[in-house]
mmCIF file of all heavy atoms, coordinates in Angstrom:
data_MODEL
# 
_entry.id   MODEL 
# 
loop_
_atom_site.group_PDB 
_atom_site.id 
_atom_site.type_symbol 
_atom_site.label_atom_id 
_atom_site.label_alt_id 
_atom_site.label_comp_id 
_atom_site.label_asym_id 
_atom_site.label_entity_id 
_atom_site.label_seq_id 
_atom_site.pdbx_PDB_ins_code 
_atom_site.Cartn_x 
_atom_site.Cartn_y 
_atom_site.Cartn_z 
_atom_site.occupancy 
_atom_site.B_iso_or_equiv 
_atom_site.pdbx_formal_charge 
_atom_site.auth_seq_id 
_atom_site.auth_comp_id 
_atom_site.auth_asym_id 
_atom_site.auth_atom_id 
_atom_site.pdbx_PDB_model_num 
ATOM 1   N N   . ALA A 1 1  ? 36.118 -0.520 -37.197 1.00 0.00 ? 1  ALA A N   1 
ATOM 2   C CA  . ALA A 1 1  ? 35.303 -1.022 -36.022 1.00 0.00 ? 1  ALA A CA  1 
ATOM 3   C C   . ALA A 1 1  ? 36.081 -1.015 -34.764 1.00 0.00 ? 1  ALA A C   1 
ATOM 4   O O   . ALA A 1 1  ? 35.506 -1.016 -33.655 1.00 0.00 ? 1  ALA A O   1 
ATOM 5   C CB  . ALA A 1 1  ? 34.769 -2.407 -36.363 1.00 0.00 ? 1  ALA A CB  1 
ATOM 6   N N   . ASP A 1 2  ? 37.450 -0.944 -34.887 1.00 0.00 ? 2  ASP A N   1 
ATOM 7   C CA  . ASP A 1 2  ? 38.217 -1.029 -33.601 1.00 0.00 ? 2  ASP A CA  1 
ATOM 8   C C   . ASP A 1 2  ? 38.167 0.271  -32.720 1.00 0.00 ? 2  ASP A C   1 
ATOM 9   O O   . ASP A 1 2  ? 38.575 0.282  -31.604 1.00 0.00 ? 2  ASP A O   1 
ATOM 10  C CB  . ASP A 1 2  ? 39.696 -1.406 -33.857 1.00 0.00 ? 2  ASP A CB  1 
ATOM 11  C CG  . ASP A 1 2  ? 40.395 -0.346 -34.690 1.00 0.00 ? 2  ASP A CG  1 
ATOM 12  O OD1 . ASP A 1 2  ? 39.852 0.789  -34.971 1.00 0.00 ? 2  ASP A OD1 1 
ATOM 13  O OD2 . ASP A 1 2  ? 41.612 -0.613 -35.043 1.00 0.00 ? 2  ASP A OD2 1 
ATOM 14  N N   . VAL A 1 3  ? 37.559 1.291  -33.273 1.00 0.00 ? 3  VAL A N   1 
ATOM 15  C CA  . VAL A 1 3  ? 37.392 2.523  -32.450 1.00 0.00 ? 3  VAL A CA  1 
ATOM 16  C C   . VAL A 1 3  ? 36.461 2.276  -31.264 1.00 0.00 ? 3  VAL A C   1 
ATOM 17  O O   . VAL A 1 3  ? 36.587 3.002  -30.249 1.00 0.00 ? 3  VAL A O   1 
ATOM 18  C CB  . VAL A 1 3  ? 36.908 3.733  -33.255 1.00 0.00 ? 3  VAL A CB  1 
ATOM 19  C CG1 . VAL A 1 3  ? 37.890 4.030  -34.365 1.00 0.00 ? 3  VAL A CG1 1 
ATOM 20  C CG2 . VAL A 1 3  ? 35.489 3.576  -33.752 1.00 0.00 ? 3  VAL A CG2 1 
ATOM 21  N N   . ASN A 1 4  ? 35.674 1.278  -31.411 1.00 0.00 ? 4  ASN A N   1 
ATOM 22  C CA  . ASN A 1 4  ? 34.680 0.888  -30.348 1.00 0.00 ? 4  ASN A CA  1 
ATOM 23  C C   . ASN A 1 4  ? 35.426 0.396  -29.094 1.00 0.00 ? 4  ASN A C   1 
ATOM 24  O O   . ASN A 1 4  ? 34.854 0.242  -27.979 1.00 0.00 ? 4  ASN A O   1 
ATOM 25  C CB  . ASN A 1 4  ? 33.692 -0.126 -30.825 1.00 0.00 ? 4  ASN A CB  1 
ATOM 26  C CG  . ASN A 1 4  ? 32.584 0.502  -31.734 1.00 0.00 ? 4  ASN A CG  1 
ATOM 27  O OD1 . ASN A 1 4  ? 31.936 1.473  -31.350 1.00 0.00 ? 4  ASN A OD1 1 
ATOM 28  N ND2 . ASN A 1 4  ? 32.525 0.029  -32.911 1.00 0.00 ? 4  ASN A ND2 1 
ATOM 29  N N   . GLU A 1 5  ? 36.684 0.005  -29.180 1.00 0.00 ? 5  GLU A N   1 
ATOM 30  C CA  . GLU A 1 5  ? 37.535 -0.467 -28.104 1.00 0.00 ? 5  GLU A CA  1 
ATOM 31  C C   . GLU A 1 5  ? 37.926 0.675  -27.183 1.00 0.00 ? 5  GLU A C   1 
ATOM 32  O O   . GLU A 1 5  ? 38.324 0.449  -26.113 1.00 0.00 ? 5  GLU A O   1 
ATOM 33  C CB  . GLU A 1 5  ? 38.677 -1.195 -28.662 1.00 0.00 ? 5  GLU A CB  1 
ATOM 34  C CG  . GLU A 1 5  ? 38.370 -2.422 -29.474 1.00 0.00 ? 5  GLU A CG  1 
ATOM 35  C CD  . GLU A 1 5  ? 39.592 -3.016 -30.222 1.00 0.00 ? 5  GLU A CD  1 
ATOM 36  O OE1 . GLU A 1 5  ? 40.742 -2.533 -29.964 1.00 0.00 ? 5  GLU A OE1 1 
ATOM 37  O OE2 . GLU A 1 5  ? 39.356 -3.899 -31.047 1.00 0.00 ? 5  GLU A OE2 1 
ATOM 38  N N   . LEU A 1 6  ? 37.819 1.906  -27.694 1.00 0.00 ? 6  LEU A N   1 
ATOM 39  C CA  . LEU A 1 6  ? 38.141 3.105  -26.803 1.00 0.00 ? 6  LEU A CA  1 
ATOM 40  C C   . LEU A 1 6  ? 36.934 3.428  -25.883 1.00 0.00 ? 6  LEU A C   1 
ATOM 41  O O   . LEU A 1 6  ? 35.748 3.629  -26.452 1.00 0.00 ? 6  LEU A O   1 
ATOM 42  C CB  . LEU A 1 6  ? 38.474 4.303  -27.697 1.00 0.00 ? 6  LEU A CB  1 
ATOM 43  C CG  . LEU A 1 6  ? 39.747 4.128  -28.574 1.00 0.00 ? 6  LEU A CG  1 
ATOM 44  C CD1 . LEU A 1 6  ? 39.796 5.314  -29.546 1.00 0.00 ? 6  LEU A CD1 1 
ATOM 45  C CD2 . LEU A 1 6  ? 40.964 4.034  -27.677 1.00 0.00 ? 6  LEU A CD2 1 
ATOM 46  N N   . ASP A 1 7  ? 37.190 3.648  -24.626 1.00 0.00 ? 7  ASP A N   1 
ATOM 47  C CA  . ASP A 1 7  ? 36.133 3.814  -23.684 1.00 0.00 ? 7  ASP A CA  1 
ATOM 48  C C   . ASP A 1 7  ? 35.322 5.117  -23.877 1.00 0.00 ? 7  ASP A C   1 
ATOM 49  O O   . ASP A 1 7  ? 34.204 5.285  -23.563 1.00 0.00 ? 7  ASP A O   1 
ATOM 50  C CB  . ASP A 1 7  ? 36.670 3.753  -22.213 1.00 0.00 ? 7  ASP A CB  1 
ATOM 51  C CG  . ASP A 1 7  ? 37.127 2.387  -21.886 1.00 0.00 ? 7  ASP A CG  1 
ATOM 52  O OD1 . ASP A 1 7  ? 36.670 1.403  -22.484 1.00 0.00 ? 7  ASP A OD1 1 
ATOM 53  O OD2 . ASP A 1 7  ? 37.930 2.272  -20.948 1.00 0.00 ? 7  ASP A OD2 1 
ATOM 54  N N   . ASN A 1 8  ? 36.093 6.149  -24.389 1.00 0.00 ? 8  ASN A N   1 
ATOM 55  C CA  . ASN A 1 8  ? 35.431 7.457  -24.580 1.00 0.00 ? 8  ASN A CA  1 
ATOM 56  C C   . ASN A 1 8  ? 34.986 7.794  -25.973 1.00 0.00 ? 8  ASN A C   1 
ATOM 57  O O   . ASN A 1 8  ? 34.588 8.918  -26.231 1.00 0.00 ? 8  ASN A O   1 
ATOM 58  C CB  . ASN A 1 8  ? 36.508 8.459  -24.105 1.00 0.00 ? 8  ASN A CB  1 
ATOM 59  C CG  . ASN A 1 8  ? 37.814 8.400  -24.990 1.00 0.00 ? 8  ASN A CG  1 
ATOM 60  O OD1 . ASN A 1 8  ? 38.192 7.290  -25.315 1.00 0.00 ? 8  ASN A OD1 1 
ATOM 61  N ND2 . ASN A 1 8  ? 38.481 9.482  -25.142 1.00 0.00 ? 8  ASN A ND2 1 
ATOM 62  N N   . VAL A 1 9  ? 34.947 6.781  -26.803 1.00 0.00 ? 9  VAL A N   1 
ATOM 63  C CA  . VAL A 1 9  ? 34.549 6.987  -28.211 1.00 0.00 ? 9  VAL A CA  1 
ATOM 64  C C   . VAL A 1 9  ? 33.259 6.119  -28.439 1.00 0.00 ? 9  VAL A C   1 
ATOM 65  O O   . VAL A 1 9  ? 33.270 4.916  -28.174 1.00 0.00 ? 9  VAL A O   1 
ATOM 66  C CB  . VAL A 1 9  ? 35.579 6.588  -29.252 1.00 0.00 ? 9  VAL A CB  1 
ATOM 67  C CG1 . VAL A 1 9  ? 35.113 6.704  -30.657 1.00 0.00 ? 9  VAL A CG1 1 
ATOM 68  C CG2 . VAL A 1 9  ? 36.799 7.533  -29.177 1.00 0.00 ? 9  VAL A CG2 1 
ATOM 69  N N   . TYR A 1 10 ? 32.235 6.735  -29.003 1.00 0.00 ? 10 TYR A N   1 
ATOM 70  C CA  . TYR A 1 10 ? 30.942 6.025  -29.287 1.00 0.00 ? 10 TYR A CA  1 
ATOM 71  C C   . TYR A 1 10 ? 30.758 6.113  -30.850 1.00 0.00 ? 10 TYR A C   1 
ATOM 72  O O   . TYR A 1 10 ? 30.476 7.233  -31.362 1.00 0.00 ? 10 TYR A O   1 
ATOM 73  C CB  . TYR A 1 10 ? 29.826 6.643  -28.526 1.00 0.00 ? 10 TYR A CB  1 
ATOM 74  C CG  . TYR A 1 10 ? 30.103 6.699  -27.022 1.00 0.00 ? 10 TYR A CG  1 
ATOM 75  C CD1 . TYR A 1 10 ? 30.832 7.790  -26.458 1.00 0.00 ? 10 TYR A CD1 1 
ATOM 76  C CD2 . TYR A 1 10 ? 29.676 5.735  -26.170 1.00 0.00 ? 10 TYR A CD2 1 
ATOM 77  C CE1 . TYR A 1 10 ? 31.136 7.804  -25.145 1.00 0.00 ? 10 TYR A CE1 1 
ATOM 78  C CE2 . TYR A 1 10 ? 29.928 5.711  -24.898 1.00 0.00 ? 10 TYR A CE2 1 
ATOM 79  C CZ  . TYR A 1 10 ? 30.612 6.788  -24.313 1.00 0.00 ? 10 TYR A CZ  1 
ATOM 80  O OH  . TYR A 1 10 ? 30.967 6.828  -22.938 1.00 0.00 ? 10 TYR A OH  1 
ATOM 81  N N   . ALA A 1 11 ? 30.844 5.000  -31.501 1.00 0.00 ? 11 ALA A N   1 
ATOM 82  C CA  . ALA A 1 11 ? 30.741 4.993  -32.988 1.00 0.00 ? 11 ALA A CA  1 
ATOM 83  C C   . ALA A 1 11 ? 29.525 4.322  -33.500 1.00 0.00 ? 11 ALA A C   1 
ATOM 84  O O   . ALA A 1 11 ? 29.047 3.391  -32.912 1.00 0.00 ? 11 ALA A O   1 
ATOM 85  C CB  . ALA A 1 11 ? 32.012 4.291  -33.590 1.00 0.00 ? 11 ALA A CB  1 
ATOM 86  N N   . PHE A 1 12 ? 28.947 4.978  -34.447 1.00 0.00 ? 12 PHE A N   1 
ATOM 87  C CA  . PHE A 1 12 ? 27.705 4.418  -35.089 1.00 0.00 ? 12 PHE A CA  1 
ATOM 88  C C   . PHE A 1 12 ? 27.938 4.442  -36.673 1.00 0.00 ? 12 PHE A C   1 
ATOM 89  O O   . PHE A 1 12 ? 28.520 5.332  -37.224 1.00 0.00 ? 12 PHE A O   1 
ATOM 90  C CB  . PHE A 1 12 ? 26.465 5.356  -34.717 1.00 0.00 ? 12 PHE A CB  1 
ATOM 91  C CG  . PHE A 1 12 ? 26.317 5.712  -33.285 1.00 0.00 ? 12 PHE A CG  1 
ATOM 92  C CD1 . PHE A 1 12 ? 27.013 6.702  -32.679 1.00 0.00 ? 12 PHE A CD1 1 
ATOM 93  C CD2 . PHE A 1 12 ? 25.564 4.816  -32.488 1.00 0.00 ? 12 PHE A CD2 1 
ATOM 94  C CE1 . PHE A 1 12 ? 26.880 6.986  -31.305 1.00 0.00 ? 12 PHE A CE1 1 
ATOM 95  C CE2 . PHE A 1 12 ? 25.396 5.048  -31.141 1.00 0.00 ? 12 PHE A CE2 1 
ATOM 96  C CZ  . PHE A 1 12 ? 26.083 6.095  -30.549 1.00 0.00 ? 12 PHE A CZ  1 
ATOM 97  N N   . ASN A 1 13 ? 27.315 3.375  -37.275 1.00 0.00 ? 13 ASN A N   1 
ATOM 98  C CA  . ASN A 1 13 ? 27.362 3.308  -38.710 1.00 0.00 ? 13 ASN A CA  1 
ATOM 99  C C   . ASN A 1 13 ? 25.923 3.303  -39.333 1.00 0.00 ? 13 ASN A C   1 
ATOM 100 O O   . ASN A 1 13 ? 24.943 3.416  -38.564 1.00 0.00 ? 13 ASN A O   1 
ATOM 101 C CB  . ASN A 1 13 ? 28.181 2.062  -39.184 1.00 0.00 ? 13 ASN A CB  1 
ATOM 102 C CG  . ASN A 1 13 ? 27.615 0.774  -38.714 1.00 0.00 ? 13 ASN A CG  1 
ATOM 103 O OD1 . ASN A 1 13 ? 26.445 0.536  -38.819 1.00 0.00 ? 13 ASN A OD1 1 
ATOM 104 N ND2 . ASN A 1 13 ? 28.487 -0.132 -38.225 1.00 0.00 ? 13 ASN A ND2 1 
ATOM 105 N N   . VAL A 1 14 ? 25.817 3.100  -40.653 1.00 0.00 ? 14 VAL A N   1 
ATOM 106 C CA  . VAL A 1 14 ? 24.507 3.248  -41.234 1.00 0.00 ? 14 VAL A CA  1 
ATOM 107 C C   . VAL A 1 14 ? 23.484 2.141  -40.756 1.00 0.00 ? 14 VAL A C   1 
ATOM 108 O O   . VAL A 1 14 ? 22.295 2.454  -40.695 1.00 0.00 ? 14 VAL A O   1 
ATOM 109 C CB  . VAL A 1 14 ? 24.620 3.090  -42.837 1.00 0.00 ? 14 VAL A CB  1 
ATOM 110 C CG1 . VAL A 1 14 ? 25.190 4.293  -43.428 1.00 0.00 ? 14 VAL A CG1 1 
ATOM 111 C CG2 . VAL A 1 14 ? 25.330 1.813  -43.174 1.00 0.00 ? 14 VAL A CG2 1 
ATOM 112 N N   . ASP A 1 15 ? 23.997 0.983  -40.313 1.00 0.00 ? 15 ASP A N   1 
ATOM 113 C CA  . ASP A 1 15 ? 23.084 -0.046 -39.785 1.00 0.00 ? 15 ASP A CA  1 
ATOM 114 C C   . ASP A 1 15 ? 22.544 0.406  -38.430 1.00 0.00 ? 15 ASP A C   1 
ATOM 115 O O   . ASP A 1 15 ? 21.434 -0.073 -38.074 1.00 0.00 ? 15 ASP A O   1 
ATOM 116 C CB  . ASP A 1 15 ? 23.777 -1.366 -39.637 1.00 0.00 ? 15 ASP A CB  1 
ATOM 117 C CG  . ASP A 1 15 ? 23.925 -2.043 -41.012 1.00 0.00 ? 15 ASP A CG  1 
ATOM 118 O OD1 . ASP A 1 15 ? 23.472 -1.483 -41.922 1.00 0.00 ? 15 ASP A OD1 1 
ATOM 119 O OD2 . ASP A 1 15 ? 24.634 -3.082 -41.062 1.00 0.00 ? 15 ASP A OD2 1 
ATOM 120 N N   . ASP A 1 16 ? 23.176 1.272  -37.696 1.00 0.00 ? 16 ASP A N   1 
ATOM 121 C CA  . ASP A 1 16 ? 22.704 1.768  -36.418 1.00 0.00 ? 16 ASP A CA  1 
ATOM 122 C C   . ASP A 1 16 ? 21.494 2.781  -36.549 1.00 0.00 ? 16 ASP A C   1 
ATOM 123 O O   . ASP A 1 16 ? 20.826 3.136  -35.543 1.00 0.00 ? 16 ASP A O   1 
ATOM 124 C CB  . ASP A 1 16 ? 23.730 2.423  -35.600 1.00 0.00 ? 16 ASP A CB  1 
ATOM 125 C CG  . ASP A 1 16 ? 24.892 1.489  -35.229 1.00 0.00 ? 16 ASP A CG  1 
ATOM 126 O OD1 . ASP A 1 16 ? 24.546 0.301  -34.808 1.00 0.00 ? 16 ASP A OD1 1 
ATOM 127 O OD2 . ASP A 1 16 ? 26.011 1.752  -35.517 1.00 0.00 ? 16 ASP A OD2 1 
ATOM 128 N N   . LEU A 1 17 ? 21.255 3.167  -37.762 1.00 0.00 ? 17 LEU A N   1 
ATOM 129 C CA  . LEU A 1 17 ? 20.184 4.243  -38.005 1.00 0.00 ? 17 LEU A CA  1 
ATOM 130 C C   . LEU A 1 17 ? 18.801 3.515  -38.065 1.00 0.00 ? 17 LEU A C   1 
ATOM 131 O O   . LEU A 1 17 ? 17.819 4.274  -38.138 1.00 0.00 ? 17 LEU A O   1 
ATOM 132 C CB  . LEU A 1 17 ? 20.465 4.946  -39.288 1.00 0.00 ? 17 LEU A CB  1 
ATOM 133 C CG  . LEU A 1 17 ? 21.809 5.725  -39.399 1.00 0.00 ? 17 LEU A CG  1 
ATOM 134 C CD1 . LEU A 1 17 ? 21.901 6.414  -40.751 1.00 0.00 ? 17 LEU A CD1 1 
ATOM 135 C CD2 . LEU A 1 17 ? 21.866 6.714  -38.310 1.00 0.00 ? 17 LEU A CD2 1 
ATOM 136 N N   . LYS A 1 18 ? 18.776 2.165  -38.229 1.00 0.00 ? 18 LYS A N   1 
ATOM 137 C CA  . LYS A 1 18 ? 17.515 1.574  -38.383 1.00 0.00 ? 18 LYS A CA  1 
ATOM 138 C C   . LYS A 1 18 ? 16.488 1.846  -37.291 1.00 0.00 ? 18 LYS A C   1 
ATOM 139 O O   . LYS A 1 18 ? 15.207 2.005  -37.566 1.00 0.00 ? 18 LYS A O   1 
ATOM 140 C CB  . LYS A 1 18 ? 17.696 -0.031 -38.486 1.00 0.00 ? 18 LYS A CB  1 
ATOM 141 C CG  . LYS A 1 18 ? 18.503 -0.348 -39.756 1.00 0.00 ? 18 LYS A CG  1 
ATOM 142 C CD  . LYS A 1 18 ? 18.671 -1.838 -39.897 1.00 0.00 ? 18 LYS A CD  1 
ATOM 143 C CE  . LYS A 1 18 ? 19.407 -2.210 -41.159 1.00 0.00 ? 18 LYS A CE  1 
ATOM 144 N NZ  . LYS A 1 18 ? 19.660 -3.705 -41.260 1.00 0.00 ? 18 LYS A NZ  1 
ATOM 145 N N   . ALA A 1 19 ? 16.966 1.932  -36.047 1.00 0.00 ? 19 ALA A N   1 
ATOM 146 C CA  . ALA A 1 19 ? 15.933 2.216  -34.979 1.00 0.00 ? 19 ALA A CA  1 
ATOM 147 C C   . ALA A 1 19 ? 15.283 3.587  -35.118 1.00 0.00 ? 19 ALA A C   1 
ATOM 148 O O   . ALA A 1 19 ? 14.104 3.807  -34.872 1.00 0.00 ? 19 ALA A O   1 
ATOM 149 C CB  . ALA A 1 19 ? 16.665 2.002  -33.622 1.00 0.00 ? 19 ALA A CB  1 
ATOM 150 N N   . VAL A 1 20 ? 16.127 4.561  -35.519 1.00 0.00 ? 20 VAL A N   1 
ATOM 151 C CA  . VAL A 1 20 ? 15.672 5.924  -35.681 1.00 0.00 ? 20 VAL A CA  1 
ATOM 152 C C   . VAL A 1 20 ? 14.668 5.964  -36.885 1.00 0.00 ? 20 VAL A C   1 
ATOM 153 O O   . VAL A 1 20 ? 13.585 6.593  -36.754 1.00 0.00 ? 20 VAL A O   1 
ATOM 154 C CB  . VAL A 1 20 ? 16.856 6.893  -36.074 1.00 0.00 ? 20 VAL A CB  1 
ATOM 155 C CG1 . VAL A 1 20 ? 16.336 8.234  -36.339 1.00 0.00 ? 20 VAL A CG1 1 
ATOM 156 C CG2 . VAL A 1 20 ? 17.823 6.925  -34.909 1.00 0.00 ? 20 VAL A CG2 1 
ATOM 157 N N   . VAL A 1 21 ? 15.050 5.340  -37.930 1.00 0.00 ? 21 VAL A N   1 
ATOM 158 C CA  . VAL A 1 21 ? 14.214 5.303  -39.099 1.00 0.00 ? 21 VAL A CA  1 
ATOM 159 C C   . VAL A 1 21 ? 12.873 4.650  -38.761 1.00 0.00 ? 21 VAL A C   1 
ATOM 160 O O   . VAL A 1 21 ? 11.795 5.052  -39.319 1.00 0.00 ? 21 VAL A O   1 
ATOM 161 C CB  . VAL A 1 21 ? 14.929 4.702  -40.298 1.00 0.00 ? 21 VAL A CB  1 
ATOM 162 C CG1 . VAL A 1 21 ? 13.964 4.381  -41.440 1.00 0.00 ? 21 VAL A CG1 1 
ATOM 163 C CG2 . VAL A 1 21 ? 16.132 5.487  -40.712 1.00 0.00 ? 21 VAL A CG2 1 
ATOM 164 N N   . ALA A 1 22 ? 12.904 3.624  -38.041 1.00 0.00 ? 22 ALA A N   1 
ATOM 165 C CA  . ALA A 1 22 ? 11.634 2.792  -37.752 1.00 0.00 ? 22 ALA A CA  1 
ATOM 166 C C   . ALA A 1 22 ? 10.506 3.665  -37.127 1.00 0.00 ? 22 ALA A C   1 
ATOM 167 O O   . ALA A 1 22 ? 9.324  3.468  -37.374 1.00 0.00 ? 22 ALA A O   1 
ATOM 168 C CB  . ALA A 1 22 ? 11.931 1.623  -36.862 1.00 0.00 ? 22 ALA A CB  1 
ATOM 169 N N   . GLN A 1 23 ? 10.929 4.651  -36.393 1.00 0.00 ? 23 GLN A N   1 
ATOM 170 C CA  . GLN A 1 23 ? 9.934  5.563  -35.741 1.00 0.00 ? 23 GLN A CA  1 
ATOM 171 C C   . GLN A 1 23 ? 9.163  6.341  -36.806 1.00 0.00 ? 23 GLN A C   1 
ATOM 172 O O   . GLN A 1 23 ? 8.018  6.786  -36.524 1.00 0.00 ? 23 GLN A O   1 
ATOM 173 C CB  . GLN A 1 23 ? 10.666 6.513  -34.806 1.00 0.00 ? 23 GLN A CB  1 
ATOM 174 C CG  . GLN A 1 23 ? 11.426 5.834  -33.627 1.00 0.00 ? 23 GLN A CG  1 
ATOM 175 C CD  . GLN A 1 23 ? 12.274 6.787  -32.888 1.00 0.00 ? 23 GLN A CD  1 
ATOM 176 O OE1 . GLN A 1 23 ? 12.155 8.055  -33.043 1.00 0.00 ? 23 GLN A OE1 1 
ATOM 177 N NE2 . GLN A 1 23 ? 13.114 6.352  -32.009 1.00 0.00 ? 23 GLN A NE2 1 
ATOM 178 N N   . ASN A 1 24 ? 9.805  6.645  -37.897 1.00 0.00 ? 24 ASN A N   1 
ATOM 179 C CA  . ASN A 1 24 ? 9.075  7.455  -38.893 1.00 0.00 ? 24 ASN A CA  1 
ATOM 180 C C   . ASN A 1 24 ? 8.418  6.664  -40.029 1.00 0.00 ? 24 ASN A C   1 
ATOM 181 O O   . ASN A 1 24 ? 7.965  7.158  -40.990 1.00 0.00 ? 24 ASN A O   1 
ATOM 182 C CB  . ASN A 1 24 ? 10.155 8.389  -39.521 1.00 0.00 ? 24 ASN A CB  1 
ATOM 183 C CG  . ASN A 1 24 ? 10.809 9.265  -38.502 1.00 0.00 ? 24 ASN A CG  1 
ATOM 184 O OD1 . ASN A 1 24 ? 10.153 9.949  -37.784 1.00 0.00 ? 24 ASN A OD1 1 
ATOM 185 N ND2 . ASN A 1 24 ? 12.126 9.164  -38.433 1.00 0.00 ? 24 ASN A ND2 1 
ATOM 186 N N   . GLN A 1 25 ? 8.529  5.267  -39.943 1.00 0.00 ? 25 GLN A N   1 
ATOM 187 C CA  . GLN A 1 25 ? 8.114  4.491  -41.099 1.00 0.00 ? 25 GLN A CA  1 
ATOM 188 C C   . GLN A 1 25 ? 6.670  4.180  -41.210 1.00 0.00 ? 25 GLN A C   1 
ATOM 189 O O   . GLN A 1 25 ? 6.168  4.035  -42.286 1.00 0.00 ? 25 GLN A O   1 
ATOM 190 C CB  . GLN A 1 25 ? 8.880  3.118  -41.020 1.00 0.00 ? 25 GLN A CB  1 
ATOM 191 C CG  . GLN A 1 25 ? 10.361 3.255  -41.239 1.00 0.00 ? 25 GLN A CG  1 
ATOM 192 C CD  . GLN A 1 25 ? 10.727 3.572  -42.622 1.00 0.00 ? 25 GLN A CD  1 
ATOM 193 O OE1 . GLN A 1 25 ? 10.486 4.618  -43.119 1.00 0.00 ? 25 GLN A OE1 1 
ATOM 194 N NE2 . GLN A 1 25 ? 11.370 2.606  -43.276 1.00 0.00 ? 25 GLN A NE2 1 
# 
C-alpha cells in the first residue's frame, strides 16, 4: 500500500474494481 505515497504512481487493487463491476451488474 505504500506505493500510493509516490506522486507519480497510481495503484489499484481488487476492491477498487467494484465501481466498474457495478455498471455491468
